Amino acid sequence: MRGFPIPVTRIVLGVGLVVLLVLLSPSYFGWALAVGATIVALPIRRIGAYAAAFLPYGAAWLVFTVLRSAADETAVPIRTEAVTAIEKALFFGVVPTIWLQQHLYDPLHLRWYDYLTTFIHWSYFFVPHVAAVILWLKNRELFQRYLVSMVLLLGIGLLIYFLSPAAPPWLTADRAPEEDIYRVMAVVGREINSSLYDRTNSVVGDSNPIAAMPSMHQAVTFLVTLFALKAGRVWGALGLIYGLAMAYSLVYTGEHYVIDTLAGSMLALYCYYVSGKWLELVLPILQIFRRDRVVQQAAPSIAS
């Protein structure tokens, strides 16, 4: 295989890891794809550093995924009418999801934007992880902040899910006196491949449908947007477009109320700010310990 641009060993390891994690759970696809792609792209000598950096990241997502599925099994009552009432108060008696679907959606005739908004919704499962890999490759300091922000965001979001569970629009319509709200993603998914969608969604989406406030899709997406803004004008513009497109898609497809997306965006902004302040305090202390360790390791050689 002399002259082959990428060693076969790394390709086998990367593909094998993706297949293994997806077999364990389809919800790991995005993270597995990002890790597998990096294994293929990175030299073997950097795999150890990559693993050390992404073990906390992967562990945070794993814990969030597992515990999120149990957040709807508590005795805490589910909020339904209250969320709808707040939404109507914000928009003069109108629920934006219902208004958009009444004017734009026809379940019998799917349009191009039904597919587009669904695919934007699904991009949540891999875009944040790809962003993490890019940050790690390009800017380790930004990656550290991204890691701290993400862990904090997932932790706070999970706590809210346990303390105050709220139903999404498509489910609220069945639990409160409200007009019908379609779950566009389900219609599009079954139109593409009904069997595959039902199998995947049973793990990725429906393990806990009572986890709508704040919108973690929007929170994670807006966190990516905040870091994109630090990468330059082009990336910042793309990040803003992506963040707004995600918010619109979540509302239109019936996955979240506007208030869910606003809460998710504010949560992301808070975690981004706090992570920066925390790193400002912690990193100088860590650097002092590293300097002391270097001095201690160098002392025997100097003495000899």
Protein backbone atom coordinates (compact mmCIF):
# COMPACT_ATOMS: atom_id res chain seq x y z
CA MET A 1 0.00 0.00 0.00
CA ARG A 2 2.97 2.31 -0.53
CA GLY A 3 1.89 5.72 -1.74
CA PHE A 4 -1.68 5.30 -0.43
CA PRO A 5 -2.61 8.68 1.10
CA ILE A 6 -4.37 7.29 4.19
CA PRO A 7 -3.14 4.13 5.98
CA VAL A 8 -5.56 1.25 5.68
CA THR A 9 -5.27 0.59 9.42
CA ARG A 10 -6.76 3.99 10.26
CA ILE A 11 -9.58 3.49 7.77
CA VAL A 12 -10.44 0.11 9.29
CA LEU A 13 -10.33 1.54 12.83
CA GLY A 14 -12.48 4.54 11.90
CA VAL A 15 -15.12 2.57 10.01
CA GLY A 16 -15.13 -0.16 12.65
CA LEU A 17 -15.73 2.35 15.43
CA VAL A 18 -18.64 3.96 13.57
CA VAL A 19 -20.29 0.59 12.92
CA LEU A 20 -19.78 -0.59 16.52
CA LEU A 21 -21.25 2.53 18.14
CA VAL A 22 -24.20 2.68 15.73
CA LEU A 23 -24.97 -0.96 16.48
CA LEU A 24 -24.94 -0.12 20.19
CA SER A 25 -27.30 2.81 19.63
CA PRO A 26 -28.28 4.86 16.55
CA SER A 27 -28.18 7.96 18.76
CA TYR A 28 -24.37 7.69 18.80
CA PHE A 29 -24.12 8.12 15.01
CA GLY A 30 -23.10 11.78 14.99
CA TRP A 31 -20.43 11.40 17.66
CA ALA A 32 -19.21 8.13 16.11
CA LEU A 33 -18.94 9.74 12.68
CA ALA A 34 -16.90 12.64 14.04
CA VAL A 35 -14.56 10.36 15.99
CA GLY A 36 -14.20 7.91 13.11
CA ALA A 37 -13.42 10.67 10.62
CA THR A 38 -10.78 12.07 12.93
CA ILE A 39 -9.13 8.69 13.38
CA VAL A 40 -8.86 8.41 9.60
CA ALA A 41 -7.49 11.94 9.28
CA LEU A 42 -5.09 11.95 12.22
CA PRO A 43 -1.65 10.31 12.40
CA ILE A 44 -1.43 7.47 14.90
CA ARG A 45 0.88 9.50 17.14
CA ARG A 46 -1.93 12.01 17.76
CA ILE A 47 -4.65 9.46 18.54
CA GLY A 48 -3.70 9.38 22.23
CA ALA A 49 -4.05 13.15 22.59
CA TYR A 50 -7.34 13.04 20.70
CA ALA A 51 -8.72 10.29 22.93
CA ALA A 52 -7.73 12.16 26.09
CA ALA A 53 -9.45 15.31 24.83
CA PHE A 54 -12.66 13.64 23.68
CA LEU A 55 -13.24 11.14 26.49
CA PRO A 56 -14.84 13.86 28.68
CA TYR A 57 -16.81 15.13 25.68
CA GLY A 58 -18.11 11.68 24.80
CA ALA A 59 -18.82 10.85 28.44
CA ALA A 60 -20.91 14.02 28.84
CA TRP A 61 -23.07 13.15 25.84
CA LEU A 62 -23.40 9.52 26.95
CA VAL A 63 -24.54 10.48 30.46
CA PHE A 64 -26.94 13.06 29.03
CA THR A 65 -28.45 10.55 26.59
CA VAL A 66 -28.91 7.86 29.23
CA LEU A 67 -30.35 10.10 31.96
CA ARG A 68 -32.54 12.08 29.56
CA SER A 69 -34.49 8.90 28.81
CA ALA A 70 -35.43 8.67 32.50
CA ALA A 71 -36.49 12.29 32.96
CA ASP A 72 -40.12 11.50 32.10
CA GLU A 73 -40.40 8.75 34.72
CA THR A 74 -40.65 11.00 37.78
CA ALA A 75 -43.72 12.10 39.71
CA VAL A 76 -43.30 15.72 38.56
CA PRO A 77 -46.39 16.80 36.59
CA ILE A 78 -45.91 17.59 32.91
CA ARG A 79 -46.54 21.17 31.85
CA THR A 80 -48.92 21.43 28.91
CA GLU A 81 -51.49 24.22 29.10
CA ALA A 82 -49.01 26.57 30.83
CA VAL A 83 -46.53 26.48 27.96
CA THR A 84 -49.26 27.05 25.37
CA ALA A 85 -50.63 29.96 27.41
CA ILE A 86 -47.20 31.64 27.52
CA GLU A 87 -46.78 31.16 23.78
CA LYS A 88 -50.16 32.77 23.07
CA ALA A 89 -49.39 35.64 25.42
CA LEU A 90 -46.16 36.35 23.52
CA PHE A 91 -47.79 36.28 20.09
CA PHE A 92 -51.17 37.96 20.71
CA GLY A 93 -53.22 34.80 21.01
CA VAL A 94 -51.50 32.94 18.16
CA VAL A 95 -49.35 29.82 18.47
CA PRO A 96 -46.63 30.24 15.77
CA THR A 97 -46.38 26.50 15.11
CA ILE A 98 -50.10 26.25 14.38
CA TRP A 99 -50.05 29.42 12.24
CA LEU A 100 -47.08 28.21 10.16
CA GLN A 101 -48.54 24.76 9.59
CA GLN A 102 -51.95 26.17 8.65
CA HIS A 103 -50.36 28.37 6.00
CA LEU A 104 -47.50 26.19 4.74
CA TYR A 105 -48.01 22.53 5.55
CA ASP A 106 -50.06 19.89 3.76
CA PRO A 107 -49.52 16.34 5.10
CA LEU A 108 -50.78 14.87 1.83
CA HIS A 109 -48.40 16.88 -0.36
CA LEU A 110 -44.93 17.32 1.13
CA ARG A 111 -42.93 20.24 -0.23
CA TRP A 112 -39.21 20.84 -0.54
CA TYR A 113 -39.10 22.94 2.63
CA ASP A 114 -40.66 20.11 4.63
CA TYR A 115 -37.64 17.98 3.76
CA LEU A 116 -35.21 20.87 4.29
CA THR A 117 -36.50 21.76 7.77
CA THR A 118 -36.46 18.08 8.72
CA PHE A 119 -32.86 17.65 7.57
CA ILE A 120 -31.85 20.78 9.47
CA HIS A 121 -33.45 19.26 12.56
CA TRP A 122 -31.53 16.01 12.03
CA SER A 123 -28.23 17.86 11.56
CA TYR A 124 -28.18 18.30 15.35
CA PHE A 125 -26.99 14.71 15.62
CA PHE A 126 -23.65 15.33 13.89
CA VAL A 127 -22.89 19.05 13.37
CA PRO A 128 -21.97 19.79 17.03
CA HIS A 129 -19.55 16.85 17.09
CA VAL A 130 -17.93 17.81 13.81
CA ALA A 131 -17.55 21.34 15.20
CA ALA A 132 -15.83 19.90 18.27
CA VAL A 133 -13.33 18.01 16.12
CA ILE A 134 -12.59 21.09 14.00
CA LEU A 135 -12.01 23.21 17.10
CA TRP A 136 -9.68 20.59 18.55
CA LEU A 137 -7.66 20.47 15.34
CA LYS A 138 -7.52 24.25 14.82
CA ASN A 139 -7.61 25.89 18.25
CA ARG A 140 -7.11 23.92 21.48
CA GLU A 141 -8.03 26.87 23.70
CA LEU A 142 -11.38 27.29 21.96
CA PHE A 143 -11.93 23.54 22.18
CA GLN A 144 -11.42 23.68 25.95
CA ARG A 145 -14.06 26.38 26.21
CA TYR A 146 -16.38 24.45 23.89
CA LEU A 147 -15.96 21.35 26.06
CA VAL A 148 -16.69 23.20 29.30
CA SER A 149 -19.64 25.02 27.71
CA MET A 150 -21.11 21.77 26.38
CA VAL A 151 -20.77 19.87 29.65
CA LEU A 152 -22.39 22.75 31.53
CA LEU A 153 -25.17 23.09 28.95
CA LEU A 154 -26.02 19.39 28.96
CA GLY A 155 -25.97 19.26 32.75
CA ILE A 156 -28.27 22.26 33.28
CA GLY A 157 -30.61 21.12 30.50
CA LEU A 158 -30.85 17.67 32.06
CA LEU A 159 -31.61 19.14 35.49
CA ILE A 160 -34.46 21.23 34.03
CA TYR A 161 -35.90 18.17 32.29
CA PHE A 162 -36.16 16.39 35.64
CA LEU A 163 -37.47 19.36 37.63
CA SER A 164 -39.90 20.79 35.07
CA PRO A 165 -40.80 18.42 32.21
CA ALA A 166 -42.64 20.04 29.31
CA ALA A 167 -44.27 18.48 26.27
CA PRO A 168 -43.44 19.56 22.70
CA PRO A 169 -46.17 21.06 20.47
CA TRP A 170 -46.94 17.83 18.60
CA LEU A 171 -47.55 16.05 21.90
CA THR A 172 -49.21 18.97 23.71
CA ALA A 173 -52.03 18.89 21.17
CA ASP A 174 -52.96 15.44 22.48
CA ARG A 175 -52.77 16.48 26.14
CA ALA A 176 -54.38 19.93 26.13
CA PRO A 177 -57.39 21.57 24.48
CA GLU A 178 -55.46 22.66 21.40
CA GLU A 179 -55.73 22.40 17.65
CA ASP A 180 -53.98 19.56 15.89
CA ILE A 181 -50.24 20.02 15.39
CA TYR A 182 -48.43 17.80 12.92
CA ARG A 183 -45.03 16.28 13.62
CA VAL A 184 -43.56 17.05 10.19
CA MET A 185 -40.38 15.10 10.88
CA ALA A 186 -42.35 11.88 11.35
CA VAL A 187 -44.25 12.34 8.09
CA VAL A 188 -41.06 13.11 6.14
CA GLY A 189 -39.12 10.28 7.78
CA ARG A 190 -41.77 7.71 6.98
CA GLU A 191 -42.04 9.05 3.44
CA ILE A 192 -38.31 8.45 2.94
CA ASN A 193 -38.11 5.06 4.67
CA SER A 194 -40.81 4.16 7.16
CA SER A 195 -39.09 1.13 8.70
CA LEU A 196 -35.71 2.83 9.12
CA TYR A 197 -37.27 5.98 10.56
CA ASP A 198 -39.36 4.09 13.14
CA ARG A 199 -36.39 2.00 14.30
CA THR A 200 -34.06 4.96 14.58
CA ASN A 201 -36.56 7.37 16.13
CA SER A 202 -37.50 4.85 18.81
CA VAL A 203 -33.96 5.25 20.16
CA VAL A 204 -32.97 8.78 19.19
CA GLY A 205 -36.19 10.73 19.57
CA ASP A 206 -38.89 8.88 21.47
CA SER A 207 -36.81 7.55 24.36
CA ASN A 208 -38.23 10.60 26.15
CA PRO A 209 -40.59 12.90 24.23
CA ILE A 210 -41.25 14.94 27.40
CA ALA A 211 -38.04 16.96 27.12
CA ALA A 212 -38.91 20.12 25.25
CA MET A 213 -38.01 23.02 27.55
CA PRO A 214 -35.37 24.21 26.93
CA SER A 215 -34.84 23.03 23.37
CA MET A 216 -31.54 21.18 23.49
CA HIS A 217 -31.47 21.16 19.68
CA GLN A 218 -31.50 24.95 19.72
CA ALA A 219 -29.19 25.27 22.72
CA VAL A 220 -26.45 23.12 21.20
CA THR A 221 -26.90 24.72 17.77
CA PHE A 222 -26.67 28.24 19.18
CA LEU A 223 -23.56 27.24 21.12
CA VAL A 224 -22.01 26.19 17.81
CA THR A 225 -23.10 29.56 16.39
CA LEU A 226 -21.35 31.45 19.20
CA PHE A 227 -18.09 29.66 18.49
CA ALA A 228 -18.51 30.15 14.74
CA LEU A 229 -18.69 33.89 15.38
CA LYS A 230 -15.15 33.74 16.79
CA ALA A 231 -13.84 32.02 13.64
CA GLY A 232 -14.30 34.99 11.31
CA ARG A 233 -17.00 36.78 9.35
CA VAL A 234 -17.77 33.98 6.91
CA TRP A 235 -18.06 31.27 9.55
CA GLY A 236 -19.93 33.68 11.79
CA ALA A 237 -22.47 34.46 9.07
CA LEU A 238 -22.93 30.78 8.32
CA GLY A 239 -23.32 30.06 12.02
CA LEU A 240 -26.01 32.72 12.41
CA ILE A 241 -27.91 31.41 9.38
CA TYR A 242 -27.69 27.88 10.74
CA GLY A 243 -28.87 28.94 14.21
CA LEU A 244 -31.87 30.84 12.82
CA ALA A 245 -32.69 28.01 10.42
CA MET A 246 -32.66 25.52 13.29
CA ALA A 247 -35.00 27.69 15.39
CA TYR A 248 -37.44 28.10 12.50
CA SER A 249 -37.29 24.40 11.62
CA LEU A 250 -38.00 23.32 15.20
CA VAL A 251 -41.04 25.58 15.43
CA TYR A 252 -42.43 24.80 11.97
CA THR A 253 -42.04 21.02 12.28
CA GLY A 254 -43.90 20.99 15.61
CA GLU A 255 -40.89 19.89 17.67
CA HIS A 256 -40.67 23.00 19.87
CA TYR A 257 -42.47 26.18 20.81
CA VAL A 258 -40.75 29.50 20.18
CA ILE A 259 -40.28 29.89 23.93
CA ASP A 260 -38.40 26.56 23.98
CA THR A 261 -35.94 27.83 21.37
CA LEU A 262 -35.50 31.15 23.19
CA ALA A 263 -34.79 29.34 26.45
CA GLY A 264 -32.30 27.07 24.67
CA SER A 265 -30.49 30.04 23.11
CA MET A 266 -30.29 31.86 26.45
CA LEU A 267 -28.96 28.72 28.11
CA ALA A 268 -26.25 28.43 25.45
CA LEU A 269 -25.30 32.08 25.90
CA TYR A 270 -25.09 31.65 29.67
CA CYS A 271 -22.91 28.54 29.42
CA TYR A 272 -20.65 30.22 26.87
CA TYR A 273 -20.14 33.21 29.18
CA VAL A 274 -19.62 31.15 32.35
CA SER A 275 -17.18 28.78 30.65
CA GLY A 276 -15.01 31.73 29.62
CA LYS A 277 -14.94 33.12 33.16
CA TRP A 278 -14.24 29.69 34.65
CA LEU A 279 -11.33 29.06 32.31
CA GLU A 280 -9.88 32.49 33.11
CA LEU A 281 -9.65 31.38 36.74
CA VAL A 282 -8.59 27.76 36.26
CA LEU A 283 -6.10 27.85 33.38
CA PRO A 284 -3.50 30.05 35.16
CA ILE A 285 -3.57 27.63 38.11
CA LEU A 286 -3.07 24.65 35.81
CA GLN A 287 -0.18 26.39 34.08
CA ILE A 288 1.52 26.94 37.45
CA PHE A 289 1.24 23.21 38.23
CA ARG A 290 2.64 22.34 34.79
CA ARG A 291 5.61 24.67 35.25
CA ASP A 292 6.33 23.16 38.67
CA ARG A 293 6.20 19.66 37.18
CA VAL A 294 8.59 20.61 34.41
CA VAL A 295 11.02 22.11 36.93
CA GLN A 296 10.85 18.98 39.11
CA GLN A 297 11.51 16.71 36.13
CA ALA A 298 14.40 18.85 34.98
CA ALA A 299 16.02 19.09 38.43
CA PRO A 300 17.62 15.57 38.49
CA SER A 301 19.22 16.06 35.08
CA ILE A 302 20.62 19.44 36.12
CA ALA A 303 22.00 17.95 39.36
CA SER A 304 23.70 15.13 37.49
